[in-house]
Amino acid sequence: MRVILAEDSTLLREGLIRLLAEEGHEVLAGVGDAVSLLREVAARRPDVVVTDIRMPPDHTDEGLRAAVEIRERWPGVGVLVLSQHVERNYAARLLTSNVERVGYLLKDRVAQVDEFLDSLERIHAGGAAIDPEVVRQLVIRTTHTDPLARLTPRERTVIEALAQGHTNAAIAQKLHISLSSVEKNLNMIFDKLDLTHTTGYSRRVLAVLRYLES
């Protein structure tokens, strides 16, 4: 795939460039700020963008704002956002509008090369890749109005695997249950969360991420 990287840490950026090149991917550009990222995306139209959230000049949410703009202007470009920590507000801004070709990973996950590359492939294919720790923190609710309170423990484990972008077959393998059991649990989840009549892949990830809007 054709990739543009945006990361102000030269060491991490160069490491990712080398990793992707060794895997046969084409790195179109490696930049260190959001302005350069948007300029390169406009000029080169990559398949996927990998960007840090915090970049110069203020090191706040420059990378995230660029990611949101890329998704609005070029919806066919996949976006994988990297974050040092789980930042719920940033995840909400990125993920609630559209959950196709999008990912949110903690930087520690990059060290797990196979998982990082698998996440890129899922995004390139039109899916989602959400870090398990991000999912865990996003689904935590303590109030009595928590929609997840209606789910059984098994349904919770299915929805967490689901939100990470796994297919039904992968969920079955991950949880050591049958494919039919996964499908049954998903149908129950969609029913309990009033998603039965929602169509498309987005329903799968929105089963978790919709709560970010509440």
Foldseek 3Di string as FASTA:
>chain_A
DEEEEEAQPPVVQVVVCVLCVVVVYHYPYYYHFLVVVLVCCVVPVGQEYEYEQAGPDPGDGRRLVSLLVCCVPPVNHAYAYEYQDQDLVSCLSNDPPDFWSYEYYYPVCVVVPVLVVVQNVRSSVTGYAYYLVNLVVLQDDDDPVRLCVPADPVLVLLLSVQLRGDDLVVSCVVVVHDSVVSVVSVCVLCVSQVNNPPDDSRSRNCSRSVVSVD
